[in-house]
Amino acid sequence: MARWQDLSSAVEGWANGRPRSFDPIWQGPGGSDSSGSPFPEYYFAADWHVVAFGYYHLACMLLILYKPTPRFAIWTAHSGHQAQILEHARAMCGSCQSEPSNVPAEIALCHSVFLWGALLDDVCERRSLVRLLQQLESYHA
């Protein structure tokens, strides 16, 4: 548990100590763009800010998913954890949707889907995710 706490502290330390220039220059709730996507919108000043944003959220998901718990604990007891994971997943989807030419961020998104894809039960969100992945394939395959 101590190692997990060290890693969690390192991730939060990075998030709290990073330059403010890494913050989105604009962000808005889902559904506000012309495509009607349910994912939030994020716009950044530089490509590497999008990548850092994505890897931060991926690290948070991994920490939530692999937090040490008693062996007898069951996953369904952690429905709050599922909601937290999906919150990070939606942020990654929104940043990739807003920056469709950022291949490294989109690759991180593709890898992360294996962690949270099965948790996504909203039909509109699933359709938007599929469109996002198809767009990635069509632009960069």
N, C-alpha and C. Protein backbone atom coordinates (compact mmCIF):
# COMPACT_ATOMS: atom_id res chain seq x y z
N MET A 1 0.82 -1.20 0.00
CA MET A 1 0.00 0.00 0.00
C MET A 1 0.86 1.26 0.00
N ALA A 2 2.03 1.18 0.65
CA ALA A 2 2.91 2.35 0.71
C ALA A 2 3.39 2.75 -0.68
N ARG A 3 3.72 1.76 -1.52
CA ARG A 3 4.19 2.06 -2.88
C ARG A 3 3.08 2.70 -3.69
N TRP A 4 1.85 2.17 -3.56
CA TRP A 4 0.72 2.75 -4.27
C TRP A 4 0.52 4.20 -3.83
N GLN A 5 0.63 4.46 -2.53
CA GLN A 5 0.47 5.82 -2.02
C GLN A 5 1.55 6.74 -2.57
N ASP A 6 2.79 6.24 -2.67
CA ASP A 6 3.87 7.03 -3.26
C ASP A 6 3.56 7.40 -4.70
N LEU A 7 3.09 6.43 -5.47
CA LEU A 7 2.75 6.69 -6.87
C LEU A 7 1.58 7.67 -6.99
N SER A 8 0.57 7.48 -6.16
CA SER A 8 -0.57 8.39 -6.18
C SER A 8 -0.15 9.82 -5.83
N SER A 9 0.71 9.94 -4.83
CA SER A 9 1.22 11.26 -4.43
C SER A 9 2.04 11.89 -5.54
N ALA A 10 2.82 11.08 -6.24
CA ALA A 10 3.64 11.60 -7.35
C ALA A 10 2.76 12.13 -8.48
N VAL A 11 1.70 11.41 -8.80
CA VAL A 11 0.79 11.84 -9.87
C VAL A 11 0.09 13.13 -9.46
N GLU A 12 -0.43 13.19 -8.26
CA GLU A 12 -1.11 14.41 -7.80
C GLU A 12 -0.13 15.56 -7.63
N GLY A 13 1.09 15.25 -7.21
CA GLY A 13 2.12 16.28 -7.10
C GLY A 13 2.43 16.90 -8.45
N TRP A 14 2.50 16.04 -9.47
CA TRP A 14 2.74 16.57 -10.82
C TRP A 14 1.57 17.45 -11.25
N ALA A 15 0.35 16.99 -11.03
CA ALA A 15 -0.83 17.75 -11.45
C ALA A 15 -0.89 19.10 -10.75
N ASN A 16 -0.58 19.12 -9.46
CA ASN A 16 -0.64 20.37 -8.70
C ASN A 16 0.54 21.29 -8.97
N GLY A 17 1.68 20.72 -9.38
CA GLY A 17 2.87 21.53 -9.57
C GLY A 17 3.22 21.87 -11.00
N ARG A 18 2.45 21.37 -11.95
CA ARG A 18 2.78 21.64 -13.35
C ARG A 18 2.53 23.11 -13.67
N PRO A 19 3.19 23.61 -14.69
CA PRO A 19 2.95 25.01 -15.08
C PRO A 19 1.49 25.21 -15.49
N ARG A 20 0.95 26.36 -15.17
CA ARG A 20 -0.44 26.66 -15.52
C ARG A 20 -0.65 26.66 -17.03
N SER A 21 0.42 26.82 -17.80
CA SER A 21 0.28 26.78 -19.25
C SER A 21 -0.19 25.41 -19.75
N PHE A 22 -0.09 24.39 -18.90
CA PHE A 22 -0.56 23.06 -19.26
C PHE A 22 -2.08 22.93 -19.11
N ASP A 23 -2.72 23.88 -18.47
CA ASP A 23 -4.17 23.84 -18.32
C ASP A 23 -4.83 24.13 -19.67
N PRO A 24 -6.03 23.63 -19.88
CA PRO A 24 -6.74 23.96 -21.12
C PRO A 24 -6.93 25.48 -21.23
N ILE A 25 -6.82 26.00 -22.44
CA ILE A 25 -7.09 27.42 -22.64
C ILE A 25 -8.60 27.67 -22.70
N TRP A 26 -9.35 26.60 -22.98
CA TRP A 26 -10.81 26.65 -22.94
C TRP A 26 -11.32 25.25 -22.68
N GLN A 27 -12.37 25.15 -21.89
CA GLN A 27 -13.03 23.86 -21.70
C GLN A 27 -14.51 24.09 -21.50
N GLY A 28 -15.28 23.11 -21.93
CA GLY A 28 -16.73 23.21 -21.82
C GLY A 28 -17.34 21.85 -21.60
N PRO A 29 -18.60 21.84 -21.20
CA PRO A 29 -19.27 20.56 -20.92
C PRO A 29 -19.57 19.79 -22.21
N GLY A 30 -19.86 18.53 -22.06
CA GLY A 30 -20.23 17.72 -23.21
C GLY A 30 -21.52 18.19 -23.84
N GLY A 31 -21.65 17.93 -25.13
CA GLY A 31 -22.87 18.28 -25.84
C GLY A 31 -22.91 19.71 -26.34
N SER A 32 -21.85 20.49 -26.08
CA SER A 32 -21.91 21.90 -26.49
C SER A 32 -21.31 22.14 -27.87
N ASP A 33 -20.64 21.14 -28.45
CA ASP A 33 -20.05 21.37 -29.77
C ASP A 33 -21.05 21.00 -30.87
N SER A 34 -20.71 21.32 -32.11
CA SER A 34 -21.64 21.12 -33.22
C SER A 34 -21.90 19.64 -33.51
N SER A 35 -20.99 18.75 -33.11
CA SER A 35 -21.20 17.32 -33.35
C SER A 35 -22.15 16.70 -32.34
N GLY A 36 -22.45 17.40 -31.28
CA GLY A 36 -23.34 16.87 -30.26
C GLY A 36 -22.72 15.79 -29.41
N SER A 37 -21.41 15.75 -29.35
CA SER A 37 -20.71 14.72 -28.57
C SER A 37 -21.00 14.89 -27.09
N PRO A 38 -21.13 13.78 -26.38
CA PRO A 38 -21.37 13.86 -24.94
C PRO A 38 -20.11 14.17 -24.14
N PHE A 39 -18.95 14.10 -24.78
CA PHE A 39 -17.70 14.29 -24.06
C PHE A 39 -17.38 15.77 -23.88
N PRO A 40 -16.76 16.13 -22.77
CA PRO A 40 -16.39 17.53 -22.56
C PRO A 40 -15.38 17.98 -23.62
N GLU A 41 -15.35 19.27 -23.85
CA GLU A 41 -14.41 19.84 -24.82
C GLU A 41 -13.23 20.45 -24.07
N TYR A 42 -12.04 20.24 -24.61
CA TYR A 42 -10.82 20.82 -24.06
C TYR A 42 -9.98 21.33 -25.22
N TYR A 43 -9.45 22.53 -25.08
CA TYR A 43 -8.53 23.07 -26.07
C TYR A 43 -7.27 23.53 -25.35
N PHE A 44 -6.13 23.18 -25.92
CA PHE A 44 -4.83 23.44 -25.30
C PHE A 44 -3.97 24.30 -26.21
N ALA A 45 -2.98 24.95 -25.60
CA ALA A 45 -2.08 25.82 -26.35
C ALA A 45 -1.06 25.04 -27.16
N ALA A 46 -0.72 23.83 -26.74
CA ALA A 46 0.32 23.06 -27.43
C ALA A 46 -0.04 21.57 -27.41
N ASP A 47 0.45 20.86 -28.41
CA ASP A 47 0.17 19.43 -28.52
C ASP A 47 0.63 18.65 -27.29
N TRP A 48 1.80 19.00 -26.76
CA TRP A 48 2.32 18.24 -25.63
C TRP A 48 1.48 18.44 -24.37
N HIS A 49 0.72 19.52 -24.32
CA HIS A 49 -0.19 19.71 -23.19
C HIS A 49 -1.33 18.69 -23.26
N VAL A 50 -1.80 18.41 -24.48
CA VAL A 50 -2.85 17.40 -24.67
C VAL A 50 -2.33 16.03 -24.25
N VAL A 51 -1.11 15.72 -24.66
CA VAL A 51 -0.51 14.42 -24.33
C VAL A 51 -0.34 14.30 -22.81
N ALA A 52 0.16 15.35 -22.17
CA ALA A 52 0.33 15.32 -20.71
C ALA A 52 -1.01 15.15 -20.02
N PHE A 53 -2.03 15.84 -20.49
CA PHE A 53 -3.39 15.73 -19.95
C PHE A 53 -3.87 14.28 -20.04
N GLY A 54 -3.68 13.67 -21.20
CA GLY A 54 -4.12 12.29 -21.40
C GLY A 54 -3.39 11.32 -20.51
N TYR A 55 -2.06 11.46 -20.41
CA TYR A 55 -1.30 10.54 -19.57
C TYR A 55 -1.59 10.75 -18.08
N TYR A 56 -1.89 11.97 -17.69
CA TYR A 56 -2.31 12.20 -16.31
C TYR A 56 -3.59 11.40 -16.01
N HIS A 57 -4.57 11.51 -16.90
CA HIS A 57 -5.83 10.81 -16.68
C HIS A 57 -5.65 9.29 -16.76
N LEU A 58 -4.78 8.83 -17.64
CA LEU A 58 -4.48 7.40 -17.71
C LEU A 58 -3.85 6.92 -16.41
N ALA A 59 -2.90 7.69 -15.89
CA ALA A 59 -2.26 7.32 -14.62
C ALA A 59 -3.29 7.27 -13.49
N CYS A 60 -4.20 8.23 -13.47
CA CYS A 60 -5.25 8.23 -12.44
C CYS A 60 -6.13 6.99 -12.54
N MET A 61 -6.49 6.62 -13.78
CA MET A 61 -7.31 5.41 -13.96
C MET A 61 -6.58 4.18 -13.47
N LEU A 62 -5.31 4.07 -13.80
CA LEU A 62 -4.53 2.90 -13.37
C LEU A 62 -4.42 2.84 -11.85
N LEU A 63 -4.23 3.99 -11.23
CA LEU A 63 -4.15 4.02 -9.77
C LEU A 63 -5.48 3.61 -9.12
N ILE A 64 -6.57 4.06 -9.69
CA ILE A 64 -7.89 3.67 -9.16
C ILE A 64 -8.11 2.17 -9.35
N LEU A 65 -7.81 1.71 -10.54
CA LEU A 65 -8.07 0.31 -10.87
C LEU A 65 -7.22 -0.65 -10.06
N TYR A 66 -5.98 -0.28 -9.81
CA TYR A 66 -5.05 -1.19 -9.14
C TYR A 66 -4.73 -0.81 -7.69
N LYS A 67 -5.63 -0.04 -7.08
CA LYS A 67 -5.43 0.29 -5.67
C LYS A 67 -5.51 -1.00 -4.85
N PRO A 68 -4.52 -1.23 -4.00
CA PRO A 68 -4.54 -2.46 -3.20
C PRO A 68 -5.77 -2.48 -2.28
N THR A 69 -6.47 -3.59 -2.32
CA THR A 69 -7.64 -3.79 -1.46
C THR A 69 -7.57 -5.20 -0.89
N PRO A 70 -8.32 -5.45 0.15
CA PRO A 70 -8.35 -6.82 0.67
C PRO A 70 -8.78 -7.80 -0.43
N ARG A 71 -8.18 -8.97 -0.44
CA ARG A 71 -8.45 -9.95 -1.49
C ARG A 71 -9.92 -10.36 -1.55
N PHE A 72 -10.64 -10.27 -0.44
CA PHE A 72 -12.04 -10.69 -0.45
C PHE A 72 -12.97 -9.59 -0.95
N ALA A 73 -12.45 -8.39 -1.15
CA ALA A 73 -13.29 -7.30 -1.65
C ALA A 73 -13.70 -7.62 -3.09
N ILE A 74 -14.92 -7.29 -3.42
CA ILE A 74 -15.39 -7.56 -4.77
C ILE A 74 -15.53 -6.25 -5.53
N TRP A 75 -15.35 -6.34 -6.85
CA TRP A 75 -15.34 -5.14 -7.69
C TRP A 75 -16.66 -4.39 -7.60
N THR A 76 -17.78 -5.08 -7.50
CA THR A 76 -19.07 -4.38 -7.47
C THR A 76 -19.19 -3.48 -6.25
N ALA A 77 -18.41 -3.74 -5.24
CA ALA A 77 -18.43 -2.86 -4.07
C ALA A 77 -17.76 -1.53 -4.37
N HIS A 78 -17.12 -1.44 -5.52
CA HIS A 78 -16.37 -0.24 -5.88
C HIS A 78 -17.05 0.53 -7.02
N SER A 79 -18.36 0.61 -7.01
CA SER A 79 -19.04 1.32 -8.09
C SER A 79 -18.62 2.78 -8.14
N GLY A 80 -18.24 3.35 -7.02
CA GLY A 80 -17.70 4.71 -7.01
C GLY A 80 -16.40 4.79 -7.79
N HIS A 81 -15.63 3.72 -7.73
CA HIS A 81 -14.39 3.66 -8.50
C HIS A 81 -14.69 3.64 -9.99
N GLN A 82 -15.73 2.94 -10.38
CA GLN A 82 -16.11 2.90 -11.79
C GLN A 82 -16.47 4.29 -12.28
N ALA A 83 -17.20 5.04 -11.49
CA ALA A 83 -17.57 6.40 -11.86
C ALA A 83 -16.33 7.28 -11.99
N GLN A 84 -15.37 7.11 -11.09
CA GLN A 84 -14.13 7.89 -11.16
C GLN A 84 -13.35 7.55 -12.43
N ILE A 85 -13.26 6.27 -12.74
CA ILE A 85 -12.55 5.85 -13.95
C ILE A 85 -13.21 6.45 -15.18
N LEU A 86 -14.53 6.41 -15.24
CA LEU A 86 -15.24 6.96 -16.39
C LEU A 86 -15.08 8.47 -16.49
N GLU A 87 -14.97 9.15 -15.38
CA GLU A 87 -14.74 10.59 -15.41
C GLU A 87 -13.41 10.90 -16.10
N HIS A 88 -12.39 10.13 -15.77
CA HIS A 88 -11.08 10.31 -16.41
C HIS A 88 -11.14 9.90 -17.89
N ALA A 89 -11.88 8.84 -18.18
CA ALA A 89 -12.01 8.38 -19.56
C ALA A 89 -12.71 9.43 -20.42
N ARG A 90 -13.74 10.04 -19.89
CA ARG A 90 -14.46 11.08 -20.64
C ARG A 90 -13.56 12.28 -20.90
N ALA A 91 -12.72 12.61 -19.94
CA ALA A 91 -11.78 13.71 -20.15
C ALA A 91 -10.82 13.39 -21.28
N MET A 92 -10.31 12.15 -21.30
CA MET A 92 -9.41 11.74 -22.39
C MET A 92 -10.13 11.79 -23.74
N CYS A 93 -11.35 11.29 -23.79
CA CYS A 93 -12.12 11.32 -25.04
C CYS A 93 -12.34 12.75 -25.50
N GLY A 94 -12.70 13.61 -24.58
CA GLY A 94 -12.94 15.01 -24.94
C GLY A 94 -11.70 15.70 -25.46
N SER A 95 -10.56 15.45 -24.84
CA SER A 95 -9.33 16.11 -25.30
C SER A 95 -8.92 15.58 -26.67
N CYS A 96 -9.09 14.29 -26.91
CA CYS A 96 -8.74 13.72 -28.22
C CYS A 96 -9.71 14.19 -29.30
N GLN A 97 -10.96 14.32 -28.94
CA GLN A 97 -11.95 14.80 -29.91
C GLN A 97 -11.67 16.25 -30.30
N SER A 98 -11.22 17.03 -29.35
CA SER A 98 -10.94 18.43 -29.62
C SER A 98 -9.63 18.62 -30.38
N GLU A 99 -8.74 17.64 -30.32
CA GLU A 99 -7.43 17.72 -30.97
C GLU A 99 -7.22 16.47 -31.83
N PRO A 100 -7.98 16.30 -32.92
CA PRO A 100 -7.93 15.04 -33.67
C PRO A 100 -6.61 14.75 -34.39
N SER A 101 -5.74 15.72 -34.49
CA SER A 101 -4.46 15.48 -35.17
C SER A 101 -3.35 15.07 -34.20
N ASN A 102 -3.67 14.95 -32.93
CA ASN A 102 -2.65 14.62 -31.93
C ASN A 102 -2.57 13.09 -31.77
N VAL A 103 -1.71 12.49 -32.57
CA VAL A 103 -1.61 11.03 -32.61
C VAL A 103 -1.17 10.43 -31.27
N PRO A 104 -0.15 10.97 -30.59
CA PRO A 104 0.24 10.35 -29.31
C PRO A 104 -0.89 10.32 -28.28
N ALA A 105 -1.68 11.38 -28.22
CA ALA A 105 -2.81 11.41 -27.28
C ALA A 105 -3.85 10.37 -27.67
N GLU A 106 -4.09 10.23 -28.97
CA GLU A 106 -5.08 9.27 -29.43
C GLU A 106 -4.62 7.83 -29.22
N ILE A 107 -3.33 7.58 -29.34
CA ILE A 107 -2.80 6.24 -29.07
C ILE A 107 -3.00 5.91 -27.59
N ALA A 108 -2.74 6.87 -26.71
CA ALA A 108 -2.97 6.64 -25.28
C ALA A 108 -4.45 6.34 -25.03
N LEU A 109 -5.34 7.05 -25.72
CA LEU A 109 -6.77 6.79 -25.58
C LEU A 109 -7.09 5.36 -26.01
N CYS A 110 -6.56 4.95 -27.16
CA CYS A 110 -6.82 3.59 -27.65
C CYS A 110 -6.40 2.54 -26.62
N HIS A 111 -5.24 2.72 -26.04
CA HIS A 111 -4.76 1.76 -25.04
C HIS A 111 -5.63 1.79 -23.78
N SER A 112 -6.12 2.96 -23.43
CA SER A 112 -6.90 3.06 -22.20
C SER A 112 -8.29 2.44 -22.32
N VAL A 113 -8.81 2.35 -23.54
CA VAL A 113 -10.16 1.80 -23.73
C VAL A 113 -10.26 0.39 -23.15
N PHE A 114 -9.16 -0.35 -23.16
CA PHE A 114 -9.19 -1.70 -22.60
C PHE A 114 -9.43 -1.68 -21.09
N LEU A 115 -9.12 -0.57 -20.45
CA LEU A 115 -9.35 -0.45 -19.01
C LEU A 115 -10.80 -0.12 -18.68
N TRP A 116 -11.41 0.73 -19.49
CA TRP A 116 -12.70 1.28 -19.11
C TRP A 116 -13.82 1.05 -20.12
N GLY A 117 -13.52 0.54 -21.28
CA GLY A 117 -14.54 0.40 -22.32
C GLY A 117 -15.78 -0.37 -21.87
N ALA A 118 -15.58 -1.43 -21.11
CA ALA A 118 -16.71 -2.24 -20.65
C ALA A 118 -17.58 -1.51 -19.62
N LEU A 119 -17.04 -0.47 -19.02
CA LEU A 119 -17.81 0.30 -18.03
C LEU A 119 -18.73 1.33 -18.68
N LEU A 120 -18.49 1.63 -19.95
CA LEU A 120 -19.24 2.67 -20.66
C LEU A 120 -20.60 2.10 -21.06
N ASP A 121 -21.64 2.45 -20.32
CA ASP A 121 -22.95 1.87 -20.60
C ASP A 121 -23.92 2.83 -21.27
N ASP A 122 -23.54 4.08 -21.44
CA ASP A 122 -24.38 5.06 -22.11
C ASP A 122 -24.24 4.88 -23.63
N VAL A 123 -25.36 4.67 -24.32
CA VAL A 123 -25.34 4.39 -25.75
C VAL A 123 -24.74 5.56 -26.54
N CYS A 124 -25.11 6.77 -26.20
CA CYS A 124 -24.58 7.95 -26.89
C CYS A 124 -23.06 8.04 -26.73
N GLU A 125 -22.58 7.78 -25.53
CA GLU A 125 -21.13 7.81 -25.29
C GLU A 125 -20.42 6.71 -26.07
N ARG A 126 -21.01 5.52 -26.10
CA ARG A 126 -20.40 4.43 -26.86
C ARG A 126 -20.32 4.78 -28.34
N ARG A 127 -21.39 5.32 -28.88
CA ARG A 127 -21.39 5.70 -30.31
C ARG A 127 -20.34 6.78 -30.58
N SER A 128 -20.26 7.74 -29.69
CA SER A 128 -19.27 8.81 -29.87
C SER A 128 -17.85 8.27 -29.78
N LEU A 129 -17.62 7.32 -28.88
CA LEU A 129 -16.30 6.70 -28.77
C LEU A 129 -15.96 5.94 -30.05
N VAL A 130 -16.90 5.19 -30.58
CA VAL A 130 -16.66 4.45 -31.82
C VAL A 130 -16.34 5.42 -32.95
N ARG A 131 -17.09 6.53 -33.06
CA ARG A 131 -16.81 7.54 -34.09
C ARG A 131 -15.41 8.11 -33.91
N LEU A 132 -15.04 8.37 -32.67
CA LEU A 132 -13.71 8.92 -32.38
C LEU A 132 -12.62 7.94 -32.82
N LEU A 133 -12.79 6.67 -32.52
CA LEU A 133 -11.80 5.66 -32.91
C LEU A 133 -11.78 5.45 -34.43
N GLN A 134 -12.95 5.51 -35.07
CA GLN A 134 -13.00 5.40 -36.53
C GLN A 134 -12.31 6.60 -37.19
N GLN A 135 -12.50 7.77 -36.61
CA GLN A 135 -11.85 8.97 -37.11
C GLN A 135 -10.34 8.84 -37.00
N LEU A 136 -9.87 8.33 -35.88
CA LEU A 136 -8.44 8.10 -35.70
C LEU A 136 -7.92 7.15 -36.77
N GLU A 137 -8.64 6.07 -37.01
CA GLU A 137 -8.21 5.11 -38.02
C GLU A 137 -8.21 5.73 -39.41
N SER A 138 -9.22 6.49 -39.74
CA SER A 138 -9.30 7.07 -41.08
C SER A 138 -8.24 8.15 -41.30
N TYR A 139 -7.91 8.92 -40.28
CA TYR A 139 -6.91 9.98 -40.42
C TYR A 139 -5.48 9.46 -40.40
N HIS A 140 -5.24 8.41 -39.63
CA HIS A 140 -3.86 8.04 -39.34
C HIS A 140 -3.47 6.61 -39.70
N ALA A 141 -4.40 5.81 -40.23
CA ALA A 141 -4.05 4.41 -40.54
C ALA A 141 -3.33 4.30 -41.87
